[in-house]
């Protein structure tokens, strides 16, 4: 029983790390695209 729960906990942790990483990447990408569009509008 304990072994199974440990495996589940590990999986949950890994999934959480992946979601956090993906959200951070998405935020970074949206920020970058926002800046590029802003500079395009300014004619740079």
Protein backbone atom coordinates (compact mmCIF):
# COMPACT_ATOMS: atom_id res chain seq x y z
CA UNK A 1 0.00 0.00 0.00
CA UNK A 2 2.76 2.46 0.93
CA UNK A 3 4.73 1.71 -2.22
CA UNK A 4 1.74 2.49 -4.43
CA UNK A 5 1.04 5.78 -2.65
CA UNK A 6 4.69 6.80 -2.99
CA UNK A 7 4.52 6.12 -6.73
CA UNK A 8 1.32 8.16 -6.99
CA UNK A 9 2.87 11.03 -5.04
CA UNK A 10 5.89 11.00 -7.36
CA UNK A 11 3.63 11.08 -10.41
CA UNK A 12 1.59 13.96 -8.99
CA UNK A 13 4.76 15.91 -8.22
CA UNK A 14 6.10 15.34 -11.74
CA UNK A 15 2.78 16.43 -13.26
CA UNK A 16 2.76 19.56 -11.09
CA UNK A 17 6.32 20.44 -12.15
CA UNK A 18 5.40 19.96 -15.80
CA UNK A 19 2.30 22.16 -15.50
CA UNK A 20 4.26 24.90 -13.72
CA UNK A 21 6.99 24.77 -16.38
CA UNK A 22 4.49 24.89 -19.24
CA UNK A 23 2.59 27.81 -17.69
CA UNK A 24 5.85 29.71 -17.19
CA UNK A 25 6.82 29.01 -20.81
CA UNK A 26 3.40 30.17 -22.01
CA UNK A 27 3.68 33.38 -19.98
CA UNK A 28 7.15 34.03 -21.39
CA UNK A 29 5.97 33.39 -24.95
CA UNK A 30 2.97 35.70 -24.60
CA UNK A 31 5.21 38.40 -23.13
CA UNK A 32 7.67 38.07 -26.03
CA UNK A 33 4.94 38.13 -28.67
CA UNK A 34 3.35 41.13 -26.95
CA UNK A 35 6.62 43.04 -27.08
CA UNK A 36 7.26 42.15 -30.73
CA UNK A 37 3.78 43.28 -31.77
CA UNK A 38 4.21 46.49 -29.76
CA UNK A 39 7.52 47.27 -31.46
CA UNK A 40 5.99 46.46 -34.87
CA UNK A 41 3.21 48.96 -34.21
CA UNK A 42 5.80 51.60 -33.33
CA UNK A 43 7.60 51.00 -36.62
CA UNK A 44 10.76 49.47 -35.14
